[in-house]
Amino acid sequence: MTAFVYILASARNGTLYTGVTNDLKRRIFEHRTEAVPGFTGKYGCKRLVWYEVHDTIATAIQREKSIKRYYRDWKLNLIEGMNPEWDDLYDHLNK
């Protein structure tokens, strides 16, 4: 089963949210529409700025936990390594 670790942002260098899912398109859609009330809706984290694919949900969860422990600067470097312009990658998932 494929799993994803992802980071959402409110804006460039804004509030960050790290999550894990087995269906990236569906989960980001849920965040964007605030289908489930929570952190991302409260802080406006709706822009998919980074994600990573894993072969199992277990490795994805392990990676998510590691990323959550990292300092903010490390997370910003991670994002900018994949997405230097902080584009909303959700648009690319739906092509």
PDB file of N, CA and C in Angstrom:
ATOM      1  N   MET A   1       0.839  -1.176   0.000  1.00  0.00           N
ATOM      2  CA  MET A   1       0.000   0.000   0.000  1.00  0.00           C
ATOM      3  C   MET A   1       0.882   1.238   0.000  1.00  0.00           C
ATOM      4  N   THR A   2       0.602   2.174  -0.876  1.00  0.00           N
ATOM      5  CA  THR A   2       1.345   3.418  -0.938  1.00  0.00           C
ATOM      6  C   THR A   2       0.831   4.368   0.140  1.00  0.00           C
ATOM      7  N   ALA A   3       1.745   5.100   0.754  1.00  0.00           N
ATOM      8  CA  ALA A   3       1.393   6.084   1.774  1.00  0.00           C
ATOM      9  C   ALA A   3       2.195   7.357   1.520  1.00  0.00           C
ATOM     10  N   PHE A   4       1.704   8.450   2.042  1.00  0.00           N
ATOM     11  CA  PHE A   4       2.312   9.752   1.806  1.00  0.00           C
ATOM     12  C   PHE A   4       2.507  10.505   3.116  1.00  0.00           C
ATOM     13  N   VAL A   5       3.619  11.195   3.209  1.00  0.00           N
ATOM     14  CA  VAL A   5       3.848  12.183   4.249  1.00  0.00           C
ATOM     15  C   VAL A   5       3.794  13.519   3.523  1.00  0.00           C
ATOM     16  N   TYR A   6       3.156  14.510   4.124  1.00  0.00           N
ATOM     17  CA  TYR A   6       2.987  15.784   3.433  1.00  0.00           C
ATOM     18  C   TYR A   6       3.095  16.950   4.399  1.00  0.00           C
ATOM     19  N   ILE A   7       3.406  18.109   3.830  1.00  0.00           N
ATOM     20  CA  ILE A   7       3.430  19.351   4.610  1.00  0.00           C
ATOM     21  C   ILE A   7       2.516  20.350   3.913  1.00  0.00           C
ATOM     22  N   LEU A   8       1.623  20.941   4.698  1.00  0.00           N
ATOM     23  CA  LEU A   8       0.763  22.026   4.243  1.00  0.00           C
ATOM     24  C   LEU A   8       1.263  23.319   4.863  1.00  0.00           C
ATOM     25  N   ALA A   9       1.045  24.430   4.179  1.00  0.00           N
ATOM     26  CA  ALA A   9       1.445  25.741   4.701  1.00  0.00           C
ATOM     27  C   ALA A   9       0.311  26.732   4.505  1.00  0.00           C
ATOM     28  N   SER A  10       0.275  27.725   5.364  1.00  0.00           N
ATOM     29  CA  SER A  10      -0.715  28.794   5.222  1.00  0.00           C
ATOM     30  C   SER A  10      -0.265  29.781   4.145  1.00  0.00           C
ATOM     31  N   ALA A  11       1.036  29.925   3.985  1.00  0.00           N
ATOM     32  CA  ALA A  11       1.652  30.823   2.996  1.00  0.00           C
ATOM     33  C   ALA A  11       3.147  30.528   3.010  1.00  0.00           C
ATOM     34  N   ARG A  12       3.886  31.164   2.130  1.00  0.00           N
ATOM     35  CA  ARG A  12       5.340  30.996   2.145  1.00  0.00           C
ATOM     36  C   ARG A  12       5.865  31.411   3.518  1.00  0.00           C
ATOM     37  N   ASN A  13       6.628  30.529   4.129  1.00  0.00           N
ATOM     38  CA  ASN A  13       7.182  30.738   5.471  1.00  0.00           C
ATOM     39  C   ASN A  13       6.109  30.934   6.541  1.00  0.00           C
ATOM     40  N   GLY A  14       4.888  30.477   6.265  1.00  0.00           N
ATOM     41  CA  GLY A  14       3.795  30.601   7.222  1.00  0.00           C
ATOM     42  C   GLY A  14       3.715  29.409   8.157  1.00  0.00           C
ATOM     43  N   THR A  15       2.544  29.205   8.705  1.00  0.00           N
ATOM     44  CA  THR A  15       2.287  28.090   9.602  1.00  0.00           C
ATOM     45  C   THR A  15       2.366  26.785   8.817  1.00  0.00           C
ATOM     46  N   LEU A  16       2.994  25.776   9.423  1.00  0.00           N
ATOM     47  CA  LEU A  16       3.176  24.483   8.765  1.00  0.00           C
ATOM     48  C   LEU A  16       2.394  23.391   9.488  1.00  0.00           C
ATOM     49  N   TYR A  17       1.930  22.425   8.714  1.00  0.00           N
ATOM     50  CA  TYR A  17       1.250  21.246   9.250  1.00  0.00           C
ATOM     51  C   TYR A  17       1.816  20.017   8.545  1.00  0.00           C
ATOM     52  N   THR A  18       2.197  19.007   9.307  1.00  0.00           N
ATOM     53  CA  THR A  18       2.717  17.764   8.751  1.00  0.00           C
ATOM     54  C   THR A  18       1.721  16.650   9.010  1.00  0.00           C
ATOM     55  N   GLY A  19       1.424  15.868   7.966  1.00  0.00           N
ATOM     56  CA  GLY A  19       0.471  14.782   8.111  1.00  0.00           C
ATOM     57  C   GLY A  19       0.874  13.562   7.314  1.00  0.00           C
ATOM     58  N   VAL A  20       0.069  12.505   7.447  1.00  0.00           N
ATOM     59  CA  VAL A  20       0.299  11.246   6.747  1.00  0.00           C
ATOM     60  C   VAL A  20      -1.048  10.712   6.271  1.00  0.00           C
ATOM     61  N   THR A  21      -1.054  10.067   5.108  1.00  0.00           N
ATOM     62  CA  THR A  21      -2.290   9.528   4.550  1.00  0.00           C
ATOM     63  C   THR A  21      -1.986   8.429   3.540  1.00  0.00           C
ATOM     64  N   ASN A  22      -3.011   7.652   3.206  1.00  0.00           N
ATOM     65  CA  ASN A  22      -2.858   6.669   2.140  1.00  0.00           C
ATOM     66  C   ASN A  22      -3.503   7.157   0.840  1.00  0.00           C
ATOM     67  N   ASP A  23      -4.142   8.329   0.893  1.00  0.00           N
ATOM     68  CA  ASP A  23      -4.791   8.915  -0.288  1.00  0.00           C
ATOM     69  C   ASP A  23      -4.561  10.423  -0.264  1.00  0.00           C
ATOM     70  N   LEU A  24      -3.502  10.866  -0.902  1.00  0.00           N
ATOM     71  CA  LEU A  24      -3.080  12.259  -0.815  1.00  0.00           C
ATOM     72  C   LEU A  24      -4.112  13.226  -1.394  1.00  0.00           C
ATOM     73  N   LYS A  25      -4.648  12.926  -2.558  1.00  0.00           N
ATOM     74  CA  LYS A  25      -5.634  13.820  -3.172  1.00  0.00           C
ATOM     75  C   LYS A  25      -6.848  14.018  -2.267  1.00  0.00           C
ATOM     76  N   ARG A  26      -7.382  12.909  -1.768  1.00  0.00           N
ATOM     77  CA  ARG A  26      -8.554  12.989  -0.899  1.00  0.00           C
ATOM     78  C   ARG A  26      -8.258  13.774   0.376  1.00  0.00           C
ATOM     79  N   ARG A  27      -7.125  13.481   0.993  1.00  0.00           N
ATOM     80  CA  ARG A  27      -6.808  14.122   2.280  1.00  0.00           C
ATOM     81  C   ARG A  27      -6.586  15.617   2.126  1.00  0.00           C
ATOM     82  N   ILE A  28      -5.896  16.030   1.078  1.00  0.00           N
ATOM     83  CA  ILE A  28      -5.675  17.457   0.873  1.00  0.00           C
ATOM     84  C   ILE A  28      -7.001  18.155   0.572  1.00  0.00           C
ATOM     85  N   PHE A  29      -7.861  17.495  -0.199  1.00  0.00           N
ATOM     86  CA  PHE A  29      -9.197  18.038  -0.457  1.00  0.00           C
ATOM     87  C   PHE A  29      -9.945  18.232   0.864  1.00  0.00           C
ATOM     88  N   GLU A  30      -9.849  17.270   1.766  1.00  0.00           N
ATOM     89  CA  GLU A  30     -10.502  17.399   3.072  1.00  0.00           C
ATOM     90  C   GLU A  30      -9.961  18.594   3.855  1.00  0.00           C
ATOM     91  N   HIS A  31      -8.654  18.794   3.810  1.00  0.00           N
ATOM     92  CA  HIS A  31      -8.070  19.962   4.489  1.00  0.00           C
ATOM     93  C   HIS A  31      -8.590  21.256   3.863  1.00  0.00           C
ATOM     94  N   ARG A  32      -8.593  21.308   2.556  1.00  0.00           N
ATOM     95  CA  ARG A  32      -8.981  22.529   1.843  1.00  0.00           C
ATOM     96  C   ARG A  32     -10.441  22.898   2.079  1.00  0.00           C
ATOM     97  N   THR A  33     -11.299  21.902   2.198  1.00  0.00           N
ATOM     98  CA  THR A  33     -12.727  22.159   2.387  1.00  0.00           C
ATOM     99  C   THR A  33     -13.120  22.163   3.860  1.00  0.00           C
ATOM    100  N   GLU A  34     -12.156  21.943   4.730  1.00  0.00           N
ATOM    101  CA  GLU A  34     -12.381  21.877   6.173  1.00  0.00           C
ATOM    102  C   GLU A  34     -13.457  20.854   6.517  1.00  0.00           C
ATOM    103  N   ALA A  35     -13.381  19.706   5.846  1.00  0.00           N
ATOM    104  CA  ALA A  35     -14.328  18.621   6.082  1.00  0.00           C
ATOM    105  C   ALA A  35     -14.272  18.135   7.533  1.00  0.00           C
ATOM    106  N   VAL A  36     -13.088  18.198   8.116  1.00  0.00           N
ATOM    107  CA  VAL A  36     -12.905  17.839   9.519  1.00  0.00           C
ATOM    108  C   VAL A  36     -12.297  19.047  10.221  1.00  0.00           C
ATOM    109  N   PRO A  37     -12.999  19.616  11.193  1.00  0.00           N
ATOM    110  CA  PRO A  37     -12.447  20.792  11.886  1.00  0.00           C
ATOM    111  C   PRO A  37     -11.128  20.451  12.577  1.00  0.00           C
ATOM    112  N   GLY A  38     -10.214  21.418  12.580  1.00  0.00           N
ATOM    113  CA  GLY A  38      -8.944  21.163  13.258  1.00  0.00           C
ATOM    114  C   GLY A  38      -7.908  22.224  12.964  1.00  0.00           C
ATOM    115  N   PHE A  39      -6.675  21.861  13.179  1.00  0.00           N
ATOM    116  CA  PHE A  39      -5.535  22.766  13.084  1.00  0.00           C
ATOM    117  C   PHE A  39      -5.443  23.452  11.725  1.00  0.00           C
ATOM    118  N   THR A  40      -5.566  22.678  10.647  1.00  0.00           N
ATOM    119  CA  THR A  40      -5.354  23.259   9.321  1.00  0.00           C
ATOM    120  C   THR A  40      -6.405  24.310   8.982  1.00  0.00           C
ATOM    121  N   GLY A  41      -7.635  24.090   9.398  1.00  0.00           N
ATOM    122  CA  GLY A  41      -8.677  25.088   9.176  1.00  0.00           C
ATOM    123  C   GLY A  41      -8.472  26.311  10.044  1.00  0.00           C
ATOM    124  N   LYS A  42      -8.105  26.092  11.288  1.00  0.00           N
ATOM    125  CA  LYS A  42      -7.900  27.199  12.228  1.00  0.00           C
ATOM    126  C   LYS A  42      -6.773  28.124  11.780  1.00  0.00           C
ATOM    127  N   TYR A  43      -5.707  27.539  11.226  1.00  0.00           N
ATOM    128  CA  TYR A  43      -4.532  28.323  10.856  1.00  0.00           C
ATOM    129  C   TYR A  43      -4.376  28.517   9.348  1.00  0.00           C
ATOM    130  N   GLY A  44      -5.357  28.093   8.571  1.00  0.00           N
ATOM    131  CA  GLY A  44      -5.332  28.339   7.131  1.00  0.00           C
ATOM    132  C   GLY A  44      -4.284  27.564   6.363  1.00  0.00           C
ATOM    133  N   CYS A  45      -3.907  26.402   6.852  1.00  0.00           N
ATOM    134  CA  CYS A  45      -2.904  25.571   6.175  1.00  0.00           C
ATOM    135  C   CYS A  45      -3.599  24.751   5.093  1.00  0.00           C
ATOM    136  N   LYS A  46      -3.621  25.277   3.892  1.00  0.00           N
ATOM    137  CA  LYS A  46      -4.328  24.609   2.800  1.00  0.00           C
ATOM    138  C   LYS A  46      -3.463  24.414   1.562  1.00  0.00           C
ATOM    139  N   ARG A  47      -2.247  24.916   1.602  1.00  0.00           N
ATOM    140  CA  ARG A  47      -1.349  24.833   0.449  1.00  0.00           C
ATOM    141  C   ARG A  47      -0.408  23.645   0.617  1.00  0.00           C
ATOM    142  N   LEU A  48      -0.511  22.659  -0.285  1.00  0.00           N
ATOM    143  CA  LEU A  48       0.388  21.506  -0.262  1.00  0.00           C
ATOM    144  C   LEU A  48       1.733  21.948  -0.818  1.00  0.00           C
ATOM    145  N   VAL A  49       2.746  21.987   0.048  1.00  0.00           N
ATOM    146  CA  VAL A  49       4.048  22.498  -0.385  1.00  0.00           C
ATOM    147  C   VAL A  49       5.138  21.424  -0.467  1.00  0.00           C
ATOM    148  N   TRP A  50       4.859  20.245   0.093  1.00  0.00           N
ATOM    149  CA  TRP A  50       5.851  19.168   0.070  1.00  0.00           C
ATOM    150  C   TRP A  50       5.143  17.848   0.336  1.00  0.00           C
ATOM    151  N   TYR A  51       5.614  16.787  -0.313  1.00  0.00           N
ATOM    152  CA  TYR A  51       5.148  15.445   0.029  1.00  0.00           C
ATOM    153  C   TYR A  51       6.195  14.420  -0.366  1.00  0.00           C
ATOM    154  N   GLU A  52       6.042  13.246   0.199  1.00  0.00           N
ATOM    155  CA  GLU A  52       6.985  12.158  -0.014  1.00  0.00           C
ATOM    156  C   GLU A  52       6.178  10.858  -0.074  1.00  0.00           C
ATOM    157  N   VAL A  53       6.541   9.963  -0.966  1.00  0.00           N
ATOM    158  CA  VAL A  53       5.837   8.692  -1.144  1.00  0.00           C
ATOM    159  C   VAL A  53       6.587   7.588  -0.406  1.00  0.00           C
ATOM    160  N   HIS A  54       5.822   6.718   0.257  1.00  0.00           N
ATOM    161  CA  HIS A  54       6.397   5.574   0.976  1.00  0.00           C
ATOM    162  C   HIS A  54       5.671   4.296   0.566  1.00  0.00           C
ATOM    163  N   ASP A  55       6.365   3.177   0.685  1.00  0.00           N
ATOM    164  CA  ASP A  55       5.785   1.885   0.310  1.00  0.00           C
ATOM    165  C   ASP A  55       4.787   1.358   1.329  1.00  0.00           C
ATOM    166  N   THR A  56       4.947   1.751   2.581  1.00  0.00           N
ATOM    167  CA  THR A  56       4.043   1.269   3.630  1.00  0.00           C
ATOM    168  C   THR A  56       3.607   2.430   4.512  1.00  0.00           C
ATOM    169  N   ILE A  57       2.460   2.251   5.139  1.00  0.00           N
ATOM    170  CA  ILE A  57       1.969   3.269   6.057  1.00  0.00           C
ATOM    171  C   ILE A  57       2.883   3.365   7.285  1.00  0.00           C
ATOM    172  N   ALA A  58       3.470   2.243   7.673  1.00  0.00           N
ATOM    173  CA  ALA A  58       4.357   2.240   8.838  1.00  0.00           C
ATOM    174  C   ALA A  58       5.577   3.138   8.617  1.00  0.00           C
ATOM    175  N   THR A  59       6.200   3.046   7.444  1.00  0.00           N
ATOM    176  CA  THR A  59       7.369   3.898   7.187  1.00  0.00           C
ATOM    177  C   THR A  59       6.943   5.359   7.042  1.00  0.00           C
ATOM    178  N   ALA A  60       5.765   5.592   6.505  1.00  0.00           N
ATOM    179  CA  ALA A  60       5.273   6.965   6.379  1.00  0.00           C
ATOM    180  C   ALA A  60       5.019   7.572   7.757  1.00  0.00           C
ATOM    181  N   ILE A  61       4.422   6.813   8.649  1.00  0.00           N
ATOM    182  CA  ILE A  61       4.165   7.303  10.011  1.00  0.00           C
ATOM    183  C   ILE A  61       5.474   7.585  10.731  1.00  0.00           C
ATOM    184  N   GLN A  62       6.450   6.703  10.562  1.00  0.00           N
ATOM    185  CA  GLN A  62       7.764   6.910  11.184  1.00  0.00           C
ATOM    186  C   GLN A  62       8.403   8.205  10.667  1.00  0.00           C
ATOM    187  N   ARG A  63       8.324   8.427   9.376  1.00  0.00           N
ATOM    188  CA  ARG A  63       8.882   9.649   8.779  1.00  0.00           C
ATOM    189  C   ARG A  63       8.134  10.884   9.264  1.00  0.00           C
ATOM    190  N   GLU A  64       6.808  10.807   9.332  1.00  0.00           N
ATOM    191  CA  GLU A  64       6.018  11.937   9.833  1.00  0.00           C
ATOM    192  C   GLU A  64       6.449  12.316  11.249  1.00  0.00           C
ATOM    193  N   LYS A  65       6.598  11.334  12.098  1.00  0.00           N
ATOM    194  CA  LYS A  65       7.014  11.596  13.487  1.00  0.00           C
ATOM    195  C   LYS A  65       8.393  12.242  13.523  1.00  0.00           C
ATOM    196  N   SER A  66       9.305  11.787  12.653  1.00  0.00           N
ATOM    197  CA  SER A  66      10.646  12.386  12.598  1.00  0.00           C
ATOM    198  C   SER A  66      10.568  13.841  12.172  1.00  0.00           C
ATOM    199  N   ILE A  67       9.803  14.120  11.118  1.00  0.00           N
ATOM    200  CA  ILE A  67       9.681  15.487  10.613  1.00  0.00           C
ATOM    201  C   ILE A  67       9.085  16.401  11.673  1.00  0.00           C
ATOM    202  N   LYS A  68       8.102  15.923  12.403  1.00  0.00           N
ATOM    203  CA  LYS A  68       7.468  16.745  13.440  1.00  0.00           C
ATOM    204  C   LYS A  68       8.460  17.130  14.535  1.00  0.00           C
ATOM    205  N   ARG A  69       9.482  16.322  14.742  1.00  0.00           N
ATOM    206  CA  ARG A  69      10.501  16.635  15.762  1.00  0.00           C
ATOM    207  C   ARG A  69      11.558  17.609  15.267  1.00  0.00           C
ATOM    208  N   TYR A  70      11.664  17.782  13.948  1.00  0.00           N
ATOM    209  CA  TYR A  70      12.700  18.647  13.396  1.00  0.00           C
ATOM    210  C   TYR A  70      12.408  20.124  13.678  1.00  0.00           C
ATOM    211  N   TYR A  71      13.473  20.901  13.713  1.00  0.00           N
ATOM    212  CA  TYR A  71      13.338  22.350  13.855  1.00  0.00           C
ATOM    213  C   TYR A  71      12.712  22.949  12.606  1.00  0.00           C
ATOM    214  N   ARG A  72      12.077  24.070  12.764  1.00  0.00           N
ATOM    215  CA  ARG A  72      11.394  24.752  11.667  1.00  0.00           C
ATOM    216  C   ARG A  72      12.333  25.016  10.480  1.00  0.00           C
ATOM    217  N   ASP A  73      13.548  25.470  10.748  1.00  0.00           N
ATOM    218  CA  ASP A  73      14.501  25.761   9.657  1.00  0.00           C
ATOM    219  C   ASP A  73      14.759  24.523   8.798  1.00  0.00           C
ATOM    220  N   TRP A  74      14.847  23.356   9.424  1.00  0.00           N
ATOM    221  CA  TRP A  74      15.065  22.130   8.682  1.00  0.00           C
ATOM    222  C   TRP A  74      13.867  21.848   7.784  1.00  0.00           C
ATOM    223  N   LYS A  75      12.651  22.058   8.300  1.00  0.00           N
ATOM    224  CA  LYS A  75      11.435  21.847   7.506  1.00  0.00           C
ATOM    225  C   LYS A  75      11.377  22.817   6.329  1.00  0.00           C
ATOM    226  N   LEU A  76      11.766  24.060   6.557  1.00  0.00           N
ATOM    227  CA  LEU A  76      11.775  25.040   5.461  1.00  0.00           C
ATOM    228  C   LEU A  76      12.762  24.617   4.375  1.00  0.00           C
ATOM    229  N   ASN A  77      13.916  24.121   4.770  1.00  0.00           N
ATOM    230  CA  ASN A  77      14.904  23.626   3.790  1.00  0.00           C
ATOM    231  C   ASN A  77      14.378  22.409   3.039  1.00  0.00           C
ATOM    232  N   LEU A  78      13.660  21.538   3.729  1.00  0.00           N
ATOM    233  CA  LEU A  78      13.061  20.371   3.097  1.00  0.00           C
ATOM    234  C   LEU A  78      12.071  20.808   2.019  1.00  0.00           C
ATOM    235  N   ILE A  79      11.213  21.746   2.355  1.00  0.00           N
ATOM    236  CA  ILE A  79      10.225  22.269   1.401  1.00  0.00           C
ATOM    237  C   ILE A  79      10.925  22.910   0.210  1.00  0.00           C
ATOM    238  N   GLU A  80      11.863  23.788   0.491  1.00  0.00           N
ATOM    239  CA  GLU A  80      12.510  24.530  -0.592  1.00  0.00           C
ATOM    240  C   GLU A  80      13.383  23.645  -1.476  1.00  0.00           C
ATOM    241  N   GLY A  81      13.824  22.489  -0.960  1.00  0.00           N
ATOM    242  CA  GLY A  81      14.574  21.545  -1.780  1.00  0.00           C
ATOM    243  C   GLY A  81      13.702  20.919  -2.861  1.00  0.00           C
ATOM    244  N   MET A  82      12.440  20.737  -2.578  1.00  0.00           N
ATOM    245  CA  MET A  82      11.503  20.143  -3.538  1.00  0.00           C
ATOM    246  C   MET A  82      10.712  21.212  -4.276  1.00  0.00           C
ATOM    247  N   ASN A  83      10.420  22.301  -3.593  1.00  0.00           N
ATOM    248  CA  ASN A  83       9.469  23.286  -4.097  1.00  0.00           C
ATOM    249  C   ASN A  83       9.944  24.699  -3.748  1.00  0.00           C
ATOM    250  N   PRO A  84      10.997  25.181  -4.399  1.00  0.00           N
ATOM    251  CA  PRO A  84      11.593  26.472  -4.027  1.00  0.00           C
ATOM    252  C   PRO A  84      10.647  27.671  -4.144  1.00  0.00           C
ATOM    253  N   GLU A  85       9.646  27.575  -4.976  1.00  0.00           N
ATOM    254  CA  GLU A  85       8.700  28.687  -5.141  1.00  0.00           C
ATOM    255  C   GLU A  85       7.484  28.553  -4.225  1.00  0.00           C
ATOM    256  N   TRP A  86       7.421  27.500  -3.463  1.00  0.00           N
ATOM    257  CA  TRP A  86       6.290  27.233  -2.572  1.00  0.00           C
ATOM    258  C   TRP A  86       4.972  27.162  -3.353  1.00  0.00           C
ATOM    259  N   ASP A  87       5.027  26.579  -4.544  1.00  0.00           N
ATOM    260  CA  ASP A  87       3.807  26.403  -5.328  1.00  0.00           C
ATOM    261  C   ASP A  87       2.868  25.452  -4.603  1.00  0.00           C
ATOM    262  N   ASP A  88       1.582  25.569  -4.890  1.00  0.00           N
ATOM    263  CA  ASP A  88       0.604  24.641  -4.341  1.00  0.00           C
ATOM    264  C   ASP A  88       0.634  23.381  -5.198  1.00  0.00           C
ATOM    265  N   LEU A  89       1.207  22.319  -4.680  1.00  0.00           N
ATOM    266  CA  LEU A  89       1.396  21.084  -5.434  1.00  0.00           C
ATOM    267  C   LEU A  89       0.095  20.306  -5.614  1.00  0.00           C
ATOM    268  N   TYR A  90      -0.947  20.678  -4.921  1.00  0.00           N
ATOM    269  CA  TYR A  90      -2.243  20.018  -5.072  1.00  0.00           C
ATOM    270  C   TYR A  90      -2.721  20.114  -6.518  1.00  0.00           C
ATOM    271  N   ASP A  91      -2.472  21.244  -7.152  1.00  0.00           N
ATOM    272  CA  ASP A  91      -2.867  21.426  -8.539  1.00  0.00           C
ATOM    273  C   ASP A  91      -2.206  20.403  -9.448  1.00  0.00           C
ATOM    274  N   HIS A  92      -0.990  19.995  -9.142  1.00  0.00           N
ATOM    275  CA  HIS A  92      -0.258  19.025  -9.957  1.00  0.00           C
ATOM    276  C   HIS A  92      -0.780  17.602  -9.742  1.00  0.00           C
ATOM    277  N   LEU A  93      -1.373  17.340  -8.588  1.00  0.00           N
ATOM    278  CA  LEU A  93      -1.909  16.007  -8.319  1.00  0.00           C
ATOM    279  C   LEU A  93      -3.142  15.710  -9.163  1.00  0.00           C
ATOM    280  N   ASN A  94      -3.832  16.750  -9.569  1.00  0.00           N
ATOM    281  CA  ASN A  94      -5.107  16.590 -10.258  1.00  0.00           C
ATOM    282  C   ASN A  94      -4.987  16.668 -11.772  1.00  0.00           C
ATOM    283  N   LYS A  95      -3.795  16.497 -12.309  1.00  0.00           N
ATOM    284  CA  LYS A  95      -3.608  16.526 -13.760  1.00  0.00           C
ATOM    285  C   LYS A  95      -3.652  15.132 -14.328  1.00  0.00           C
TER     286      LYS A  95
END
